[in-house]
């Protein structure tokens, strides 16, 4: 399993440059690294001094680079879908629709990119995957997909399974879903195994996001007040999906007391201005990117005290809303919503009180 790193921050703060330096740093330490870029523009290739492609190519020792192209990812997935359709339907409906014809609909990019990261992680070829994404809410929603999808399955599974529509289309829908989620199904356990395997896959995804030794983000900012405020907002939003933010990278400026206070208790590292041909000063200025586990945990559950604590920096009390409409607790903060799956000892219990103090939301049951 690979360490997955990504960088969050306002556009123009140097996220792509930092991602490249991070990939180079890990590679020089002996890790097998894949640098994955999602921006279809030329910036990644220009900074690397080479052309990029939708297939991994060797950049230096231990370092490969790939440029995600949604149309290519969709085309490859479509061919797998057609094979499954032919296997499960006697009269395939989409056999004459070709992947080369398909356009990418809004929202597909994130799902395709996440699936590609999962497949590269599962390949066992890499010790670290550095994802140079949009660095904003789009990246966070992508990484939050396992949590959101598992909630939809929990809440809607019984309703859908009991419907006449599902009984009609499930022989086709279930295997098609497996093409995206890479789940292997057999005929004898067709009804139960797919659901179990999908749930297991989503649980593994949630566990990977929640484990800072597996997945972590770093904030990239300058001293500009707008960039700082954006980084703070993304910090709090990352907590909402259970993603640990390991530290702050202050690009091309010295660390001041004000900056440190804005991101306390995270460590803030100052990154130097480097000439295009010399990456070494920037590489050396980066912190140990494997130490995100020392950062505050997004959520802590204390069963004995019957409390749940969420770390929500970047938000004030007015921006945080708690509701309980069912057996789970829902937290709204900013533009992110999180449904907290409680342990059996607390599941279904009513909230007795909540307080927001020092960036922590403490919920008592």
Protein backbone atom coordinates (compact mmCIF):
# COMPACT_ATOMS: atom_id res chain seq x y z
CA UNK A 1 0.00 0.00 0.00
CA UNK A 2 1.28 3.42 -0.95
CA UNK A 3 1.37 6.68 0.97
CA UNK A 4 -0.96 9.09 -0.84
CA UNK A 5 -0.10 12.79 -0.54
CA UNK A 6 -1.93 15.80 -1.89
CA UNK A 7 -1.67 19.55 -1.46
CA UNK A 8 -4.41 22.05 -0.72
CA UNK A 9 -4.43 25.80 -1.21
CA UNK A 10 -5.47 28.76 -3.28
CA UNK A 11 -4.55 28.76 -6.96
CA UNK A 12 -1.25 30.47 -7.68
CA UNK A 13 0.42 29.55 -4.38
CA UNK A 14 2.76 27.02 -6.02
CA UNK A 15 1.02 23.73 -5.28
CA UNK A 16 2.28 22.00 -8.43
CA UNK A 17 5.86 23.09 -7.77
CA UNK A 18 5.62 21.81 -4.20
CA UNK A 19 4.09 18.51 -5.39
CA UNK A 20 7.00 17.96 -7.78
CA UNK A 21 9.53 18.75 -5.05
CA UNK A 22 7.76 16.38 -2.66
CA UNK A 23 7.82 13.58 -5.23
CA UNK A 24 11.52 14.17 -5.87
CA UNK A 25 12.25 14.20 -2.14
CA UNK A 26 10.52 10.88 -1.52
CA UNK A 27 12.23 9.34 -4.56
CA UNK A 28 15.69 10.38 -3.34
CA UNK A 29 14.86 8.71 -0.02
CA UNK A 30 14.42 5.42 -1.85
CA UNK A 31 10.64 5.32 -2.22
CA UNK A 32 9.07 4.27 -5.51
CA UNK A 33 7.00 7.34 -6.35
CA UNK A 34 4.24 8.12 -8.83
CA UNK A 35 3.55 11.80 -9.45
CA UNK A 36 -0.01 12.07 -10.76
CA UNK A 37 -1.21 15.31 -12.33
CA UNK A 38 -4.86 16.02 -13.13
CA UNK A 39 -4.63 19.43 -14.80
CA UNK A 40 -4.81 18.84 -18.59
CA UNK A 41 -2.81 22.04 -19.17
CA UNK A 42 0.93 22.17 -19.88
CA UNK A 43 2.12 23.44 -16.48
CA UNK A 44 3.22 20.08 -15.05
CA UNK A 45 5.22 19.14 -18.15
CA UNK A 46 6.82 22.58 -18.36
CA UNK A 47 7.95 22.47 -14.73
CA UNK A 48 9.31 18.95 -15.21
CA UNK A 49 10.99 19.84 -18.48
CA UNK A 50 9.44 16.89 -20.28
CA UNK A 51 6.19 15.86 -21.91
CA UNK A 52 3.66 13.87 -19.90
CA UNK A 53 1.22 11.16 -20.97
CA UNK A 54 -1.79 9.24 -19.60
CA UNK A 55 0.51 6.29 -18.93
CA UNK A 56 3.27 6.36 -16.28
CA UNK A 57 6.70 7.16 -17.65
CA UNK A 58 10.08 7.19 -15.98
CA UNK A 59 11.28 10.64 -14.94
CA UNK A 60 14.27 9.81 -12.75
CA UNK A 61 15.31 6.87 -10.63
CA UNK A 62 12.37 5.76 -8.45
CA UNK A 63 10.15 8.48 -9.91
CA UNK A 64 7.43 8.11 -12.54
CA UNK A 65 4.91 10.70 -13.74
CA UNK A 66 1.42 10.29 -15.19
CA UNK A 67 -1.02 12.90 -16.48
CA UNK A 68 -4.60 11.87 -15.85
CA UNK A 69 -6.81 12.45 -18.87
CA UNK A 70 -10.48 11.89 -18.09
CA UNK A 71 -11.40 10.99 -21.66
CA UNK A 72 -8.76 8.24 -21.72
CA UNK A 73 -9.75 6.92 -18.29
CA UNK A 74 -13.40 6.88 -19.33
CA UNK A 75 -12.63 5.09 -22.58
CA UNK A 76 -10.70 2.36 -20.78
CA UNK A 77 -13.45 1.87 -18.19
CA UNK A 78 -16.12 1.74 -20.90
CA UNK A 79 -14.53 -1.24 -22.56
CA UNK A 80 -14.66 -3.13 -19.26
CA UNK A 81 -18.34 -2.18 -18.90
CA UNK A 82 -19.12 -3.55 -22.37
CA UNK A 83 -17.47 -6.85 -21.50
CA UNK A 84 -19.62 -7.16 -18.39
CA UNK A 85 -22.77 -6.25 -20.29
CA UNK A 86 -22.06 -8.96 -22.83
CA UNK A 87 -21.50 -11.43 -20.00
CA UNK A 88 -24.69 -10.68 -18.08
CA UNK A 89 -27.19 -9.74 -20.80
CA UNK A 90 -28.26 -11.93 -23.69
CA UNK A 91 -28.97 -8.90 -25.85
CA UNK A 92 -26.35 -6.24 -25.02
CA UNK A 93 -27.62 -2.69 -25.34
CA UNK A 94 -24.39 -0.74 -25.64
CA UNK A 95 -22.20 -3.03 -27.73
CA UNK A 96 -22.26 -0.53 -30.59
CA UNK A 97 -21.41 2.46 -28.38
CA UNK A 98 -17.67 3.01 -28.30
CA UNK A 99 -15.53 4.56 -25.62
CA UNK A 100 -13.89 6.82 -28.18
CA UNK A 101 -17.28 8.50 -28.68
CA UNK A 102 -17.98 9.32 -25.05
CA UNK A 103 -17.72 12.81 -23.63
CA UNK A 104 -16.84 13.49 -20.01
CA UNK A 105 -19.80 14.72 -18.01
CA UNK A 106 -19.41 17.10 -15.04
CA UNK A 107 -18.33 15.22 -11.95
CA UNK A 108 -16.84 12.27 -13.84
CA UNK A 109 -13.31 13.64 -13.56
CA UNK A 110 -13.13 13.18 -9.79
CA UNK A 111 -14.54 9.64 -9.82
CA UNK A 112 -12.23 8.57 -12.63
CA UNK A 113 -9.18 10.12 -10.94
CA UNK A 114 -9.98 8.47 -7.60
CA UNK A 115 -10.41 5.09 -9.29
CA UNK A 116 -7.09 5.55 -11.10
CA UNK A 117 -5.33 6.36 -7.82
CA UNK A 118 -6.90 3.28 -6.23
CA UNK A 119 -5.72 1.06 -9.08
CA UNK A 120 -2.16 2.44 -8.97
CA UNK A 121 -2.16 1.95 -5.20
CA UNK A 122 -3.40 -1.63 -5.55
CA UNK A 123 -0.77 -2.43 -8.18
CA UNK A 124 1.97 -2.62 -5.54
CA UNK A 125 4.39 -0.77 -7.83
CA UNK A 126 4.60 2.38 -5.72
CA UNK A 127 5.48 3.32 -2.15
CA UNK A 128 4.07 6.82 -2.54
CA UNK A 129 1.59 8.53 -4.85
CA UNK A 130 1.77 12.33 -4.98
CA UNK A 131 -1.50 13.66 -6.35
CA UNK A 132 -1.34 17.13 -7.90
CA UNK A 133 -5.05 17.87 -8.03
CA UNK A 134 -7.06 21.07 -8.01
CA UNK A 135 -6.19 21.54 -4.36
CA UNK A 136 -9.64 22.82 -3.42
CA UNK A 137 -13.09 21.49 -2.57
CA UNK A 138 -13.04 19.34 -5.72
CA UNK A 139 -10.09 17.38 -4.37
CA UNK A 140 -11.75 17.05 -0.98
CA UNK A 141 -15.02 15.82 -2.48
CA UNK A 142 -13.07 13.27 -4.50
CA UNK A 143 -11.30 11.91 -1.41
CA UNK A 144 -14.58 11.96 0.50
CA UNK A 145 -16.36 9.73 -2.03
CA UNK A 146 -15.89 6.46 -0.07
CA UNK A 147 -17.56 8.03 2.98
CA UNK A 148 -20.45 9.53 1.01
CA UNK A 149 -21.07 6.41 -1.09
CA UNK A 150 -21.04 4.15 1.96
CA UNK A 151 -23.64 6.41 3.60
CA UNK A 152 -25.90 6.21 0.55
CA UNK A 153 -25.58 2.43 0.55
CA UNK A 154 -26.40 2.22 4.26
CA UNK A 155 -29.42 4.50 4.01
CA UNK A 156 -30.90 3.53 0.67
CA UNK A 157 -29.95 -0.11 0.21
CA UNK A 158 -33.09 -1.59 1.76
CA UNK A 159 -35.39 0.87 -0.01
CA UNK A 160 -33.85 0.15 -3.38
CA UNK A 161 -33.65 -3.62 -2.93
CA UNK A 162 -37.36 -3.81 -2.16
CA UNK A 163 -38.37 -1.82 -5.23
CA UNK A 164 -39.66 -3.47 -8.40
CA UNK A 165 -37.33 -1.34 -10.50
CA UNK A 166 -34.25 -2.72 -8.78
CA UNK A 167 -35.40 -6.31 -9.22
CA UNK A 168 -35.67 -5.61 -12.95
CA UNK A 169 -32.38 -3.83 -13.59
CA UNK A 170 -30.05 -5.30 -10.94
CA UNK A 171 -28.71 -8.11 -13.18
CA UNK A 172 -27.26 -5.33 -15.33
CA UNK A 173 -26.55 -2.51 -12.84
CA UNK A 174 -24.59 -4.60 -10.36
CA UNK A 175 -21.95 -5.93 -12.77
CA UNK A 176 -21.63 -2.50 -14.38
CA UNK A 177 -20.89 -1.02 -10.97
CA UNK A 178 -18.23 -3.63 -10.45
CA UNK A 179 -16.36 -2.33 -13.48
CA UNK A 180 -15.87 0.98 -11.73
CA UNK A 181 -15.19 -0.50 -8.29
CA UNK A 182 -13.11 -3.42 -9.61
CA UNK A 183 -15.12 -6.05 -7.71
CA UNK A 184 -15.11 -9.70 -8.83
CA UNK A 185 -18.52 -11.41 -8.66
CA UNK A 186 -19.52 -15.03 -9.26
CA UNK A 187 -22.88 -16.46 -10.19
CA UNK A 188 -23.60 -18.51 -7.03
CA UNK A 189 -23.21 -15.60 -4.62
CA UNK A 190 -24.35 -12.91 -7.04
CA UNK A 191 -26.96 -11.43 -4.69
CA UNK A 192 -24.97 -11.15 -1.47
CA UNK A 193 -21.29 -11.08 -2.38
CA UNK A 194 -21.36 -7.95 -4.58
CA UNK A 195 -22.89 -5.83 -1.86
CA UNK A 196 -20.46 -7.17 0.72
CA UNK A 197 -17.47 -6.61 -1.53
CA UNK A 198 -18.56 -3.09 -2.44
CA UNK A 199 -19.03 -2.30 1.24
CA UNK A 200 -15.63 -3.76 2.05
CA UNK A 201 -14.05 -1.73 -0.73
CA UNK A 202 -15.62 1.48 0.53
CA UNK A 203 -14.63 0.66 4.10
CA UNK A 204 -11.03 0.19 2.97
CA UNK A 205 -11.22 3.54 1.20
CA UNK A 206 -12.58 5.24 4.32
CA UNK A 207 -9.90 3.60 6.45
CA UNK A 208 -7.17 4.78 4.08
CA UNK A 209 -8.41 8.37 4.19
CA UNK A 210 -8.66 8.29 7.99
CA UNK A 211 -5.15 6.84 8.42
CA UNK A 212 -2.50 9.60 8.20
CA UNK A 213 0.16 6.97 7.51
CA UNK A 214 -1.78 6.14 4.32
CA UNK A 215 -3.27 9.45 3.18
CA UNK A 216 -2.40 13.01 4.15
CA UNK A 217 -2.65 16.55 2.85
CA UNK A 218 -0.45 19.59 3.31
CA UNK A 219 -1.56 23.20 3.03
CA UNK A 220 0.32 25.44 0.61
CA UNK A 221 0.01 29.18 1.04
CA UNK A 222 1.76 32.51 0.73
CA UNK A 223 1.50 35.40 3.16
CA UNK A 224 -1.34 36.93 1.18
CA UNK A 225 -4.40 37.24 3.49
CA UNK A 226 -6.70 35.65 0.89
CA UNK A 227 -4.36 32.69 0.45
CA UNK A 228 -4.09 32.26 4.22
CA UNK A 229 -7.88 32.39 4.68
CA UNK A 230 -8.38 29.88 1.86
CA UNK A 231 -5.84 27.50 3.40
CA UNK A 232 -7.58 27.77 6.78
CA UNK A 233 -10.95 27.03 5.18
CA UNK A 234 -9.59 24.00 3.34
CA UNK A 235 -7.95 22.80 6.55
CA UNK A 236 -11.31 22.71 8.31
CA UNK A 237 -13.02 21.20 5.26
CA UNK A 238 -10.43 18.40 5.14
CA UNK A 239 -11.32 17.45 8.70
CA UNK A 240 -14.92 16.99 7.58
CA UNK A 241 -13.94 14.09 5.33
CA UNK A 242 -11.57 12.63 7.93
CA UNK A 243 -8.43 13.69 6.03
CA UNK A 244 -5.45 14.61 8.20
CA UNK A 245 -3.59 17.80 7.33
CA UNK A 246 0.03 17.25 8.29
CA UNK A 247 1.41 20.77 8.13
CA UNK A 248 1.66 24.09 6.33
CA UNK A 249 4.10 24.98 3.57
CA UNK A 250 4.63 28.75 3.36
CA UNK A 251 5.90 29.38 -0.14
CA UNK A 252 8.65 31.94 -0.79
CA UNK A 253 8.17 33.83 2.47
CA UNK A 254 9.57 33.64 6.02
CA UNK A 255 7.37 32.37 8.83
CA UNK A 256 5.93 35.12 11.03
CA UNK A 257 4.21 34.92 14.41
CA UNK A 258 0.93 35.83 12.74
CA UNK A 259 1.16 32.97 10.24
CA UNK A 260 2.09 30.50 12.98
CA UNK A 261 -0.85 31.63 15.08
CA UNK A 262 -3.26 31.21 12.15
CA UNK A 263 -2.32 27.56 11.77
CA UNK A 264 -1.52 26.52 15.32
CA UNK A 265 -0.89 23.73 16.30
CA UNK A 266 0.36 22.73 12.82
CA UNK A 267 4.04 23.18 12.03
CA UNK A 268 4.71 25.84 9.38
CA UNK A 269 7.69 25.36 7.05
CA UNK A 270 9.11 28.19 4.94
CA UNK A 271 10.01 27.31 1.35
CA UNK A 272 12.66 29.28 -0.55
CA UNK A 273 12.57 30.82 -4.02
CA UNK A 274 14.49 28.50 -6.30
CA UNK A 275 15.76 28.88 -9.86
CA UNK A 276 13.92 26.66 -12.36
CA UNK A 277 16.86 24.33 -12.85
CA UNK A 278 17.71 23.78 -9.16
CA UNK A 279 15.18 21.82 -7.11
CA UNK A 280 17.54 20.92 -4.27
CA UNK A 281 16.96 23.93 -1.95
CA UNK A 282 13.21 23.41 -2.15
CA UNK A 283 13.54 19.67 -1.59
CA UNK A 284 15.70 20.22 1.48
CA UNK A 285 13.27 22.79 2.92
CA UNK A 286 10.34 20.38 2.85
CA UNK A 287 9.47 18.73 6.19
CA UNK A 288 9.26 14.99 6.71
CA UNK A 289 6.10 14.27 4.74
CA UNK A 290 5.60 10.92 6.46
CA UNK A 291 4.94 12.47 9.88
CA UNK A 292 1.34 13.61 9.41
CA UNK A 293 0.27 11.27 12.21
CA UNK A 294 1.54 13.82 14.73
CA UNK A 295 -1.07 16.37 13.57
CA UNK A 296 -4.44 16.70 15.38
CA UNK A 297 -6.84 13.88 14.50
CA UNK A 298 -9.99 14.95 12.64
CA UNK A 299 -12.21 12.90 14.97
CA UNK A 300 -11.85 11.19 18.33
CA UNK A 301 -14.49 8.94 19.91
CA UNK A 302 -14.38 8.36 23.66
CA UNK A 303 -16.85 5.60 24.43
CA UNK A 304 -16.29 5.65 28.20
CA UNK A 305 -16.99 9.40 28.36
CA UNK A 306 -19.76 9.02 25.74
CA UNK A 307 -18.27 11.84 23.69
CA UNK A 308 -17.24 12.55 20.11
CA UNK A 309 -14.70 15.32 19.44
CA UNK A 310 -14.20 16.81 15.98
CA UNK A 311 -11.36 19.17 15.13
CA UNK A 312 -12.78 21.87 12.86
CA UNK A 313 -10.21 24.65 12.42
CA UNK A 314 -11.01 27.55 10.12
CA UNK A 315 -14.64 27.71 11.23
CA UNK A 316 -16.40 29.63 13.96
CA UNK A 317 -19.40 28.55 16.00
CA UNK A 318 -21.89 30.12 13.59
CA UNK A 319 -20.53 28.07 10.67
CA UNK A 320 -20.95 24.71 12.41
CA UNK A 321 -24.33 23.00 12.56
CA UNK A 322 -25.23 19.70 14.24
CA UNK A 323 -28.35 17.69 13.47
CA UNK A 324 -29.59 14.22 14.36
CA UNK A 325 -32.38 12.93 12.17
CA UNK A 326 -31.64 9.23 12.50
CA UNK A 327 -29.17 6.87 14.16
CA UNK A 328 -26.22 8.96 12.97
CA UNK A 329 -25.09 12.51 13.72
CA UNK A 330 -24.69 15.00 10.87
CA UNK A 331 -22.21 17.87 10.99
CA UNK A 332 -22.35 20.80 8.55
CA UNK A 333 -19.27 23.01 8.40
CA UNK A 334 -18.60 25.30 5.49
CA UNK A 335 -19.70 23.49 2.33
CA UNK A 336 -19.01 20.01 3.68
CA UNK A 337 -21.46 17.66 5.35
CA UNK A 338 -20.36 14.68 7.38
CA UNK A 339 -22.47 11.82 8.71
CA UNK A 340 -20.72 10.26 11.68
CA UNK A 341 -21.10 6.50 11.89
CA UNK A 342 -21.12 5.87 15.64
CA UNK A 343 -19.86 2.73 17.40
CA UNK A 344 -22.56 0.31 18.67
CA UNK A 345 -22.31 1.72 22.21
CA UNK A 346 -23.40 5.17 20.99
CA UNK A 347 -25.39 4.38 17.84
CA UNK A 348 -29.00 5.47 18.12
CA UNK A 349 -28.36 7.45 21.31
CA UNK A 350 -29.70 10.99 21.43
CA UNK A 351 -27.33 13.93 21.64
CA UNK A 352 -27.44 15.40 25.14
CA UNK A 353 -25.21 18.40 24.52
CA UNK A 354 -22.62 19.99 22.25
CA UNK A 355 -20.11 22.81 22.55
CA UNK A 356 -17.67 24.43 20.14
CA UNK A 357 -14.47 25.68 21.74
CA UNK A 358 -10.87 26.15 20.54
CA UNK A 359 -11.77 24.71 17.11
CA UNK A 360 -13.13 21.52 18.69
CA UNK A 361 -16.75 20.44 18.51
CA UNK A 362 -17.48 18.17 21.49
CA UNK A 363 -20.70 16.12 21.30
CA UNK A 364 -22.03 14.34 24.39
CA UNK A 365 -24.47 11.40 24.38
